[in-house]
Structure formats: structure tokens, C-alpha cells
Amino acid sequence: MNVQTYLDRIQFPLLAADIRPTLSCLVELQKQHLLHVPFGNLDVMNSVPIVLSPERLYEKIILRHREGFCYELNGLFCWLLRELGFSAHLVAATVHAGDDEWSVDGSHATILVHLEQPYLVDVGFGDSARVPLPLTGEEREDVSGMYRIIPHERPGMYDLQKRTEGEWIVKNRFSITPKKLAEFHAVCEYTQTSPESHFTVRRIVTQAMTDGRVTLSGNEVTVTKKGEKTKFTLEEAEIPTFLRNSFGIECHEER
């Protein structure tokens, strides 16, 4: 990995040599990553296999300015954090899909960063917290909402919650047990190939903006700014131009 090239990709304002592993630096790194690297599944929809090789992920996302999903984005960002001197490792989470529905157990890859205390950091979950979250129950708010993390009754497990219409709703449940990227191979295969996976159903690309978010789902675009949503539909022939102009993505690439 060329660390400076990665930092340039996310338009980080400091040189690699000037970075120190502090909370304020982590906050800025996460923010810049979310603002400049889209979450998405274009390779899945184009039947391009996703291989969990850090070098291939770096080539795709950093050098070719492509999108990715959790294993790619958090796997790569965790590598960057370690290169910058942070104590960071991947952990597995299970996404709450609403009501009593949950995703495949441990199928979401996210990151724990250890500073004066551990923080959950996620750049691969689409619309999610944009700041590091402590595991102490302290509430954190950003443009995407109010979040907190509380212990689950099972030791070593925690719930990430978002405040929605006055209630705390579980978004995912994660273990603090360290994981290697290769350990997500089986669930990554499932996520990109199973008809039961929502990543194989329709095209999705989304990216944070300073005051909201832009999302392409199928052919429908949703732009959220300061809480106000605008929606419109694209013709299929318009998709490549929209991906290029809104996300910096050149689509239908082959490896």
C-alpha cells in the first residue's frame, strides 16, 4: 500500500508523515473516507468476483476509484489505520433487518480501534454513523443521526443503536473478538452470490455528502440534503454518466 496515495484518494488534509494515531485524526479519517469512497455493489451486479485480497482491494478502490461493500471498504480502511500506527482490527457484526429479522450471523465486517478506549469505526455500512463510537453507551450525533453502543447480555457482544422517532433501534450486534479479513471469505461468497442476499437483487451505490447523502438504488436516485429528500428515476442509458458525475465511478470495468 502507498499510504499517501490512499490519503490523496480520500482528500485527507495531512501528509502521512504528519499523522499521529489520535482520536481527532481518526475522526477526520473516517469522515473523509465516507465523503469520498462510495459504498456499492456494482461488481456483484456485473458478476465480477470479489476476492478478499488487500492488494486487489487497494487496486480497485484506491487506484481505480471504485466503490465497495463492507469487506472491501472496512478491510482496506483497517489496513490503512494500522499503517498509520493505530491499533485496529476487524470484528464481525450481524445486521438487524427490522422486526425479528437478522442477516446471516457475523456477515458484516466492521472495525474496532483502540485508543484510550475502544471505538467502533465503520466506513462500509452505507448510511451509518460518521464518527467513532465508544462502547460506553455515550451518545454521538452527526448529520446521519444519533447513535450509541451498549453491552449485550452475552459477554463480549455489543449493540449499535440508532435513535429513530424517539426509540433506540438496534442496527447491528457485534463481537469484540478480532477477525482477519480472510475469515470473512465464506460470508463474502454468500453475500455476492446468494439469491437470498439483498446485494444480488438490485444495483446500489451510495455516498455521504457534508449535508446529506446521494443514493442510487436500481434506477432510482434519492438525494438527501439537510433532511429533505428529492427522488427521480434514470433511464438505463443514463446510469454510466450519473455514476461518473456523482460518484467518480467508471462502471462496467473488468478486472
C-alpha atoms as a PDB file:
ATOM      1  CA  MET A   1       0.000   0.000   0.000  1.00  0.00           C
ATOM      2  CA  ASN A   2       1.136   3.508  -0.814  1.00  0.00           C
ATOM      3  CA  VAL A   3      -0.298   5.325   2.223  1.00  0.00           C
ATOM      4  CA  GLN A   4      -0.008   8.769   0.685  1.00  0.00           C
ATOM      5  CA  THR A   5      -1.905   7.661  -2.422  1.00  0.00           C
ATOM      6  CA  TYR A   6      -4.690   6.357  -0.169  1.00  0.00           C
ATOM      7  CA  LEU A   7      -4.784   9.650   1.755  1.00  0.00           C
ATOM      8  CA  ASP A   8      -4.919  11.590  -1.510  1.00  0.00           C
ATOM      9  CA  ARG A   9      -7.835   9.413  -2.651  1.00  0.00           C
ATOM     10  CA  ILE A  10      -9.887  10.477   0.402  1.00  0.00           C
ATOM     11  CA  GLN A  11      -8.556  14.065   0.220  1.00  0.00           C
ATOM     12  CA  PHE A  12      -7.078  13.906   3.702  1.00  0.00           C
ATOM     13  CA  PRO A  13      -5.521  17.278   4.558  1.00  0.00           C
ATOM     14  CA  LEU A  14      -2.276  15.983   6.145  1.00  0.00           C
ATOM     15  CA  LEU A  15       0.734  14.153   4.767  1.00  0.00           C
ATOM     16  CA  ALA A  16       1.234  10.608   6.005  1.00  0.00           C
ATOM     17  CA  ALA A  17       4.406  11.617   7.853  1.00  0.00           C
ATOM     18  CA  ASP A  18       2.473  14.207   9.891  1.00  0.00           C
ATOM     19  CA  ILE A  19      -0.285  11.854  11.089  1.00  0.00           C
ATOM     20  CA  ARG A  20      -0.442  10.675  14.684  1.00  0.00           C
ATOM     21  CA  PRO A  21      -2.834   7.965  15.950  1.00  0.00           C
ATOM     22  CA  THR A  22      -5.179  10.242  17.897  1.00  0.00           C
ATOM     23  CA  LEU A  23      -8.952  10.399  18.220  1.00  0.00           C
ATOM     24  CA  SER A  24      -9.161  13.706  16.362  1.00  0.00           C
ATOM     25  CA  CYS A  25      -7.175  12.217  13.487  1.00  0.00           C
ATOM     26  CA  LEU A  26      -9.400   9.114  13.449  1.00  0.00           C
ATOM     27  CA  VAL A  27     -12.500  11.317  13.303  1.00  0.00           C
ATOM     28  CA  GLU A  28     -11.149  13.150  10.264  1.00  0.00           C
ATOM     29  CA  LEU A  29     -10.010   9.972   8.511  1.00  0.00           C
ATOM     30  CA  GLN A  30     -13.434   8.360   8.895  1.00  0.00           C
ATOM     31  CA  LYS A  31     -15.233  11.487   7.710  1.00  0.00           C
ATOM     32  CA  GLN A  32     -13.061  11.919   4.632  1.00  0.00           C
ATOM     33  CA  HIS A  33     -13.369   8.258   3.717  1.00  0.00           C
ATOM     34  CA  LEU A  34     -17.166   8.373   3.874  1.00  0.00           C
ATOM     35  CA  LEU A  35     -17.281  11.577   1.815  1.00  0.00           C
ATOM     36  CA  HIS A  36     -15.054  10.286  -0.977  1.00  0.00           C
ATOM     37  CA  VAL A  37     -15.384   6.498  -1.254  1.00  0.00           C
ATOM     38  CA  PRO A  38     -18.822   5.171  -2.265  1.00  0.00           C
ATOM     39  CA  PHE A  39     -20.484   2.095  -0.812  1.00  0.00           C
ATOM     40  CA  GLY A  40     -21.891  -0.148  -3.517  1.00  0.00           C
ATOM     41  CA  ASN A  41     -22.281  -3.489  -5.268  1.00  0.00           C
ATOM     42  CA  LEU A  42     -21.610  -2.879  -8.964  1.00  0.00           C
ATOM     43  CA  ASP A  43     -19.169  -5.771  -9.225  1.00  0.00           C
ATOM     44  CA  VAL A  44     -21.754  -8.084  -7.684  1.00  0.00           C
ATOM     45  CA  MET A  45     -24.392  -6.988 -10.195  1.00  0.00           C
ATOM     46  CA  ASN A  46     -21.897  -7.368 -13.061  1.00  0.00           C
ATOM     47  CA  SER A  47     -20.840 -10.864 -11.859  1.00  0.00           C
ATOM     48  CA  VAL A  48     -17.260  -9.745 -11.208  1.00  0.00           C
ATOM     49  CA  PRO A  49     -15.900 -11.882  -8.339  1.00  0.00           C
ATOM     50  CA  ILE A  50     -14.797 -10.021  -5.229  1.00  0.00           C
ATOM     51  CA  VAL A  51     -11.640 -11.556  -3.806  1.00  0.00           C
ATOM     52  CA  LEU A  52     -10.598 -10.548  -0.293  1.00  0.00           C
ATOM     53  CA  SER A  53      -7.006  -9.777  -1.153  1.00  0.00           C
ATOM     54  CA  PRO A  54      -5.914  -6.450   0.406  1.00  0.00           C
ATOM     55  CA  GLU A  55      -3.731  -5.690  -2.609  1.00  0.00           C
ATOM     56  CA  ARG A  56      -6.608  -6.246  -5.044  1.00  0.00           C
ATOM     57  CA  LEU A  57      -8.933  -4.145  -2.914  1.00  0.00           C
ATOM     58  CA  TYR A  58      -6.369  -1.338  -2.875  1.00  0.00           C
ATOM     59  CA  GLU A  59      -6.027  -1.506  -6.653  1.00  0.00           C
ATOM     60  CA  LYS A  60      -9.790  -1.442  -7.164  1.00  0.00           C
ATOM     61  CA  ILE A  61     -10.901   1.171  -4.639  1.00  0.00           C
ATOM     62  CA  ILE A  62      -7.888   3.463  -4.350  1.00  0.00           C
ATOM     63  CA  LEU A  63      -6.235   3.274  -7.756  1.00  0.00           C
ATOM     64  CA  ARG A  64      -9.379   2.773  -9.884  1.00  0.00           C
ATOM     65  CA  HIS A  65     -11.636   4.943  -7.706  1.00  0.00           C
ATOM     66  CA  ARG A  66     -14.321   2.293  -7.403  1.00  0.00           C
ATOM     67  CA  GLU A  67     -16.991   1.549  -4.810  1.00  0.00           C
ATOM     68  CA  GLY A  68     -17.119  -1.430  -2.442  1.00  0.00           C
ATOM     69  CA  PHE A  69     -19.088  -3.085   0.331  1.00  0.00           C
ATOM     70  CA  CYS A  70     -18.171  -3.843   3.939  1.00  0.00           C
ATOM     71  CA  TYR A  71     -15.443  -6.460   3.452  1.00  0.00           C
ATOM     72  CA  GLU A  72     -13.716  -4.282   0.885  1.00  0.00           C
ATOM     73  CA  LEU A  73     -14.109  -0.848   2.486  1.00  0.00           C
ATOM     74  CA  ASN A  74     -13.591  -1.778   6.126  1.00  0.00           C
ATOM     75  CA  GLY A  75     -10.923  -4.328   5.258  1.00  0.00           C
ATOM     76  CA  LEU A  76      -8.979  -1.694   3.351  1.00  0.00           C
ATOM     77  CA  PHE A  77      -9.552   1.102   5.876  1.00  0.00           C
ATOM     78  CA  CYS A  78      -8.423  -1.149   8.733  1.00  0.00           C
ATOM     79  CA  TRP A  79      -5.199  -1.795   6.818  1.00  0.00           C
ATOM     80  CA  LEU A  80      -4.685   1.957   6.368  1.00  0.00           C
ATOM     81  CA  LEU A  81      -5.256   2.619  10.072  1.00  0.00           C
ATOM     82  CA  ARG A  82      -2.641   0.043  11.053  1.00  0.00           C
ATOM     83  CA  GLU A  83      -0.179   1.515   8.551  1.00  0.00           C
ATOM     84  CA  LEU A  84      -0.723   4.899  10.227  1.00  0.00           C
ATOM     85  CA  GLY A  85       0.055   3.500  13.673  1.00  0.00           C
ATOM     86  CA  PHE A  86      -3.448   2.853  15.008  1.00  0.00           C
ATOM     87  CA  SER A  87      -4.254  -0.291  16.970  1.00  0.00           C
ATOM     88  CA  ALA A  88      -7.146  -1.572  14.844  1.00  0.00           C
ATOM     89  CA  HIS A  89      -8.705  -4.896  13.920  1.00  0.00           C
ATOM     90  CA  LEU A  90     -11.767  -6.189  12.134  1.00  0.00           C
ATOM     91  CA  VAL A  91     -14.733  -7.607  14.041  1.00  0.00           C
ATOM     92  CA  ALA A  92     -17.893  -9.401  12.881  1.00  0.00           C
ATOM     93  CA  ALA A  93     -21.399  -7.975  13.242  1.00  0.00           C
ATOM     94  CA  THR A  94     -24.891  -9.238  12.484  1.00  0.00           C
ATOM     95  CA  VAL A  95     -27.169  -6.666  10.880  1.00  0.00           C
ATOM     96  CA  HIS A  96     -30.695  -6.182  12.242  1.00  0.00           C
ATOM     97  CA  ALA A  97     -33.023  -6.067   9.246  1.00  0.00           C
ATOM     98  CA  GLY A  98     -36.122  -4.950  11.168  1.00  0.00           C
ATOM     99  CA  ASP A  99     -38.755  -6.652  13.302  1.00  0.00           C
ATOM    100  CA  ASP A 100     -37.248 -10.030  14.235  1.00  0.00           C
ATOM    101  CA  GLU A 101     -35.233 -10.366  11.033  1.00  0.00           C
ATOM    102  CA  TRP A 102     -31.432 -10.538  11.130  1.00  0.00           C
ATOM    103  CA  SER A 103     -28.792 -11.018   8.459  1.00  0.00           C
ATOM    104  CA  VAL A 104     -26.565 -14.087   8.336  1.00  0.00           C
ATOM    105  CA  ASP A 105     -24.715 -14.337  11.639  1.00  0.00           C
ATOM    106  CA  GLY A 106     -21.469 -12.371  11.622  1.00  0.00           C
ATOM    107  CA  SER A 107     -21.813 -11.377   7.969  1.00  0.00           C
ATOM    108  CA  HIS A 108     -20.915  -7.686   8.381  1.00  0.00           C
ATOM    109  CA  ALA A 109     -17.258  -6.697   8.748  1.00  0.00           C
ATOM    110  CA  THR A 110     -16.562  -3.596  10.820  1.00  0.00           C
ATOM    111  CA  ILE A 111     -13.617  -2.156  12.798  1.00  0.00           C
ATOM    112  CA  LEU A 112     -12.574  -1.661  16.403  1.00  0.00           C
ATOM    113  CA  VAL A 113      -9.887   0.942  17.057  1.00  0.00           C
ATOM    114  CA  HIS A 114      -8.180   1.039  20.448  1.00  0.00           C
ATOM    115  CA  LEU A 115      -7.127   4.453  21.728  1.00  0.00           C
ATOM    116  CA  GLU A 116      -7.685   5.474  25.359  1.00  0.00           C
ATOM    117  CA  GLN A 117     -10.742   3.224  24.982  1.00  0.00           C
ATOM    118  CA  PRO A 118     -12.137   1.108  22.115  1.00  0.00           C
ATOM    119  CA  TYR A 119     -14.170   2.773  19.360  1.00  0.00           C
ATOM    120  CA  LEU A 120     -16.326   1.228  16.657  1.00  0.00           C
ATOM    121  CA  VAL A 121     -15.448   2.705  13.264  1.00  0.00           C
ATOM    122  CA  ASP A 122     -17.394   1.776  10.133  1.00  0.00           C
ATOM    123  CA  VAL A 123     -16.899   3.063   6.584  1.00  0.00           C
ATOM    124  CA  GLY A 124     -18.685   0.134   4.932  1.00  0.00           C
ATOM    125  CA  PHE A 125     -22.324   0.198   6.009  1.00  0.00           C
ATOM    126  CA  GLY A 126     -23.940   2.725   3.697  1.00  0.00           C
ATOM    127  CA  ASP A 127     -25.940   5.235   5.746  1.00  0.00           C
ATOM    128  CA  SER A 128     -24.380   4.890   9.190  1.00  0.00           C
ATOM    129  CA  ALA A 129     -22.561   6.775  11.934  1.00  0.00           C
ATOM    130  CA  ARG A 130     -19.880   9.090  10.606  1.00  0.00           C
ATOM    131  CA  VAL A 131     -17.910   9.349  13.847  1.00  0.00           C
ATOM    132  CA  PRO A 132     -16.071   6.795  16.012  1.00  0.00           C
ATOM    133  CA  LEU A 133     -18.454   5.368  18.625  1.00  0.00           C
ATOM    134  CA  PRO A 134     -17.275   4.448  22.149  1.00  0.00           C
ATOM    135  CA  LEU A 135     -18.569   1.228  23.684  1.00  0.00           C
ATOM    136  CA  THR A 136     -19.718   3.021  26.838  1.00  0.00           C
ATOM    137  CA  GLY A 137     -23.285   3.977  25.938  1.00  0.00           C
ATOM    138  CA  GLU A 138     -22.304   7.614  25.342  1.00  0.00           C
ATOM    139  CA  GLU A 139     -24.460   9.167  22.635  1.00  0.00           C
ATOM    140  CA  ARG A 140     -22.893  10.569  19.493  1.00  0.00           C
ATOM    141  CA  GLU A 141     -24.691  12.660  16.869  1.00  0.00           C
ATOM    142  CA  ASP A 142     -23.788  13.560  13.308  1.00  0.00           C
ATOM    143  CA  VAL A 143     -25.684  14.561  10.164  1.00  0.00           C
ATOM    144  CA  SER A 144     -26.954  10.986   9.738  1.00  0.00           C
ATOM    145  CA  GLY A 145     -28.489  10.699  13.211  1.00  0.00           C
ATOM    146  CA  MET A 146     -27.946   9.888  16.906  1.00  0.00           C
ATOM    147  CA  TYR A 147     -26.087   6.699  17.856  1.00  0.00           C
ATOM    148  CA  ARG A 148     -24.889   4.774  20.896  1.00  0.00           C
ATOM    149  CA  ILE A 149     -23.372   1.390  21.698  1.00  0.00           C
ATOM    150  CA  ILE A 150     -24.493  -0.634  24.701  1.00  0.00           C
ATOM    151  CA  PRO A 151     -23.383  -4.043  26.021  1.00  0.00           C
ATOM    152  CA  HIS A 152     -25.465  -7.064  25.071  1.00  0.00           C
ATOM    153  CA  GLU A 153     -26.305  -9.706  27.669  1.00  0.00           C
ATOM    154  CA  ARG A 154     -23.814 -12.074  26.029  1.00  0.00           C
ATOM    155  CA  PRO A 155     -20.249 -11.308  27.188  1.00  0.00           C
ATOM    156  CA  GLY A 156     -18.110  -9.693  24.511  1.00  0.00           C
ATOM    157  CA  MET A 157     -21.142  -8.643  22.449  1.00  0.00           C
ATOM    158  CA  TYR A 158     -22.454  -5.105  21.899  1.00  0.00           C
ATOM    159  CA  ASP A 159     -25.435  -3.482  20.205  1.00  0.00           C
ATOM    160  CA  LEU A 160     -25.050  -0.494  17.910  1.00  0.00           C
ATOM    161  CA  GLN A 161     -28.273   1.513  18.208  1.00  0.00           C
ATOM    162  CA  LYS A 162     -29.720   4.483  16.345  1.00  0.00           C
ATOM    163  CA  ARG A 163     -32.364   6.790  17.787  1.00  0.00           C
ATOM    164  CA  THR A 164     -35.378   6.707  15.474  1.00  0.00           C
ATOM    165  CA  GLU A 165     -38.649   8.521  16.238  1.00  0.00           C
ATOM    166  CA  GLY A 166     -37.793   8.644  19.920  1.00  0.00           C
ATOM    167  CA  GLU A 167     -36.758   4.977  20.226  1.00  0.00           C
ATOM    168  CA  TRP A 168     -33.367   3.303  20.266  1.00  0.00           C
ATOM    169  CA  ILE A 169     -33.328   0.731  17.437  1.00  0.00           C
ATOM    170  CA  VAL A 170     -30.590  -1.909  17.118  1.00  0.00           C
ATOM    171  CA  LYS A 171     -28.773  -1.559  13.792  1.00  0.00           C
ATOM    172  CA  ASN A 172     -26.287  -4.364  14.320  1.00  0.00           C
ATOM    173  CA  ARG A 173     -24.864  -6.596  17.030  1.00  0.00           C
ATOM    174  CA  PHE A 174     -21.120  -7.163  17.053  1.00  0.00           C
ATOM    175  CA  SER A 175     -18.476  -9.180  18.831  1.00  0.00           C
ATOM    176  CA  ILE A 176     -15.220  -7.625  20.016  1.00  0.00           C
ATOM    177  CA  THR A 177     -13.265 -10.762  19.043  1.00  0.00           C
ATOM    178  CA  PRO A 178     -10.597  -9.819  16.461  1.00  0.00           C
ATOM    179  CA  LYS A 179     -11.077 -11.214  12.959  1.00  0.00           C
ATOM    180  CA  LYS A 180      -8.782 -11.446   9.958  1.00  0.00           C
ATOM    181  CA  LEU A 181     -10.115 -10.360   6.567  1.00  0.00           C
ATOM    182  CA  ALA A 182      -9.718 -13.906   5.233  1.00  0.00           C
ATOM    183  CA  GLU A 183     -12.146 -15.166   7.888  1.00  0.00           C
ATOM    184  CA  PHE A 184     -14.946 -13.333   6.049  1.00  0.00           C
ATOM    185  CA  HIS A 185     -14.365 -15.353   2.872  1.00  0.00           C
ATOM    186  CA  ALA A 186     -17.413 -17.610   3.269  1.00  0.00           C
ATOM    187  CA  VAL A 187     -19.867 -14.816   4.079  1.00  0.00           C
ATOM    188  CA  CYS A 188     -18.404 -12.662   1.300  1.00  0.00           C
ATOM    189  CA  GLU A 189     -19.072 -15.510  -1.145  1.00  0.00           C
ATOM    190  CA  TYR A 190     -22.630 -15.797   0.158  1.00  0.00           C
ATOM    191  CA  THR A 191     -23.224 -12.042   0.001  1.00  0.00           C
ATOM    192  CA  GLN A 192     -22.137 -11.741  -3.625  1.00  0.00           C
ATOM    193  CA  THR A 193     -23.746 -14.928  -4.980  1.00  0.00           C
ATOM    194  CA  SER A 194     -26.803 -15.991  -2.967  1.00  0.00           C
ATOM    195  CA  PRO A 195     -30.265 -15.061  -4.268  1.00  0.00           C
ATOM    196  CA  GLU A 196     -31.132 -14.571  -0.583  1.00  0.00           C
ATOM    197  CA  SER A 197     -28.603 -11.737  -0.324  1.00  0.00           C
ATOM    198  CA  HIS A 198     -30.032  -8.259  -0.905  1.00  0.00           C
ATOM    199  CA  PHE A 199     -26.753  -7.351  -2.638  1.00  0.00           C
ATOM    200  CA  THR A 200     -27.678  -9.619  -5.560  1.00  0.00           C
ATOM    201  CA  VAL A 201     -31.151  -8.137  -6.032  1.00  0.00           C
ATOM    202  CA  ARG A 202     -30.524  -4.629  -7.336  1.00  0.00           C
ATOM    203  CA  ARG A 203     -27.774  -2.121  -8.007  1.00  0.00           C
ATOM    204  CA  ILE A 204     -26.935   0.077  -5.015  1.00  0.00           C
ATOM    205  CA  VAL A 205     -24.407   2.895  -4.782  1.00  0.00           C
ATOM    206  CA  THR A 206     -24.459   5.474  -2.000  1.00  0.00           C
ATOM    207  CA  GLN A 207     -22.110   8.132  -0.679  1.00  0.00           C
ATOM    208  CA  ALA A 208     -22.209  10.639   2.141  1.00  0.00           C
ATOM    209  CA  MET A 209     -22.247  14.375   1.453  1.00  0.00           C
ATOM    210  CA  THR A 210     -21.422  17.050   4.002  1.00  0.00           C
ATOM    211  CA  ASP A 211     -25.110  17.868   4.438  1.00  0.00           C
ATOM    212  CA  GLY A 212     -26.735  14.591   3.420  1.00  0.00           C
ATOM    213  CA  ARG A 213     -26.381  11.636   1.083  1.00  0.00           C
ATOM    214  CA  VAL A 214     -26.846  10.600  -2.543  1.00  0.00           C
ATOM    215  CA  THR A 215     -28.072   7.072  -3.302  1.00  0.00           C
ATOM    216  CA  LEU A 216     -28.703   5.146  -6.497  1.00  0.00           C
ATOM    217  CA  SER A 217     -30.953   2.113  -5.921  1.00  0.00           C
ATOM    218  CA  GLY A 218     -31.783   0.270  -9.102  1.00  0.00           C
ATOM    219  CA  ASN A 219     -32.628   3.206 -11.362  1.00  0.00           C
ATOM    220  CA  GLU A 220     -33.985   5.468  -8.622  1.00  0.00           C
ATOM    221  CA  VAL A 221     -31.897   8.305  -7.199  1.00  0.00           C
ATOM    222  CA  THR A 222     -32.503   9.746  -3.736  1.00  0.00           C
ATOM    223  CA  VAL A 223     -30.688  12.918  -2.739  1.00  0.00           C
ATOM    224  CA  THR A 224     -30.997  13.935   0.914  1.00  0.00           C
ATOM    225  CA  LYS A 225     -29.889  17.420   1.958  1.00  0.00           C
ATOM    226  CA  LYS A 226     -30.482  18.780   5.438  1.00  0.00           C
ATOM    227  CA  GLY A 227     -33.220  16.203   5.978  1.00  0.00           C
ATOM    228  CA  GLU A 228     -35.076  16.994   2.745  1.00  0.00           C
ATOM    229  CA  LYS A 229     -35.329  14.216   0.159  1.00  0.00           C
ATOM    230  CA  THR A 230     -35.517  14.541  -3.614  1.00  0.00           C
ATOM    231  CA  LYS A 231     -36.171  11.498  -5.792  1.00  0.00           C
ATOM    232  CA  PHE A 232     -36.002  10.899  -9.537  1.00  0.00           C
ATOM    233  CA  THR A 233     -35.618   7.968 -11.902  1.00  0.00           C
ATOM    234  CA  LEU A 234     -32.914   7.431 -14.512  1.00  0.00           C
ATOM    235  CA  GLU A 235     -33.076   5.603 -17.808  1.00  0.00           C
ATOM    236  CA  GLU A 236     -30.586   2.738 -18.017  1.00  0.00           C
ATOM    237  CA  ALA A 237     -28.577   4.622 -20.636  1.00  0.00           C
ATOM    238  CA  GLU A 238     -28.127   7.491 -18.159  1.00  0.00           C
ATOM    239  CA  ILE A 239     -26.617   5.327 -15.419  1.00  0.00           C
ATOM    240  CA  PRO A 240     -22.946   5.411 -16.539  1.00  0.00           C
ATOM    241  CA  THR A 241     -22.929   9.216 -16.729  1.00  0.00           C
ATOM    242  CA  PHE A 242     -24.624   9.515 -13.342  1.00  0.00           C
ATOM    243  CA  LEU A 243     -22.115   7.142 -11.740  1.00  0.00           C
ATOM    244  CA  ARG A 244     -19.251   9.137 -13.222  1.00  0.00           C
ATOM    245  CA  ASN A 245     -20.590  12.570 -12.284  1.00  0.00           C
ATOM    246  CA  SER A 246     -21.996  11.741  -8.828  1.00  0.00           C
ATOM    247  CA  PHE A 247     -19.554   9.104  -7.572  1.00  0.00           C
ATOM    248  CA  GLY A 248     -16.485   9.328  -9.801  1.00  0.00           C
ATOM    249  CA  ILE A 249     -17.075   5.730 -10.914  1.00  0.00           C
ATOM    250  CA  GLU A 250     -16.347   4.368 -14.369  1.00  0.00           C
ATOM    251  CA  CYS A 251     -18.712   1.384 -14.479  1.00  0.00           C
ATOM    252  CA  HIS A 252     -18.669  -1.938 -16.327  1.00  0.00           C
ATOM    253  CA  GLU A 253     -14.951  -2.358 -15.785  1.00  0.00           C
ATOM    254  CA  GLU A 254     -13.414  -5.813 -15.971  1.00  0.00           C
ATOM    255  CA  ARG A 255     -10.525  -6.973 -13.821  1.00  0.00           C
END
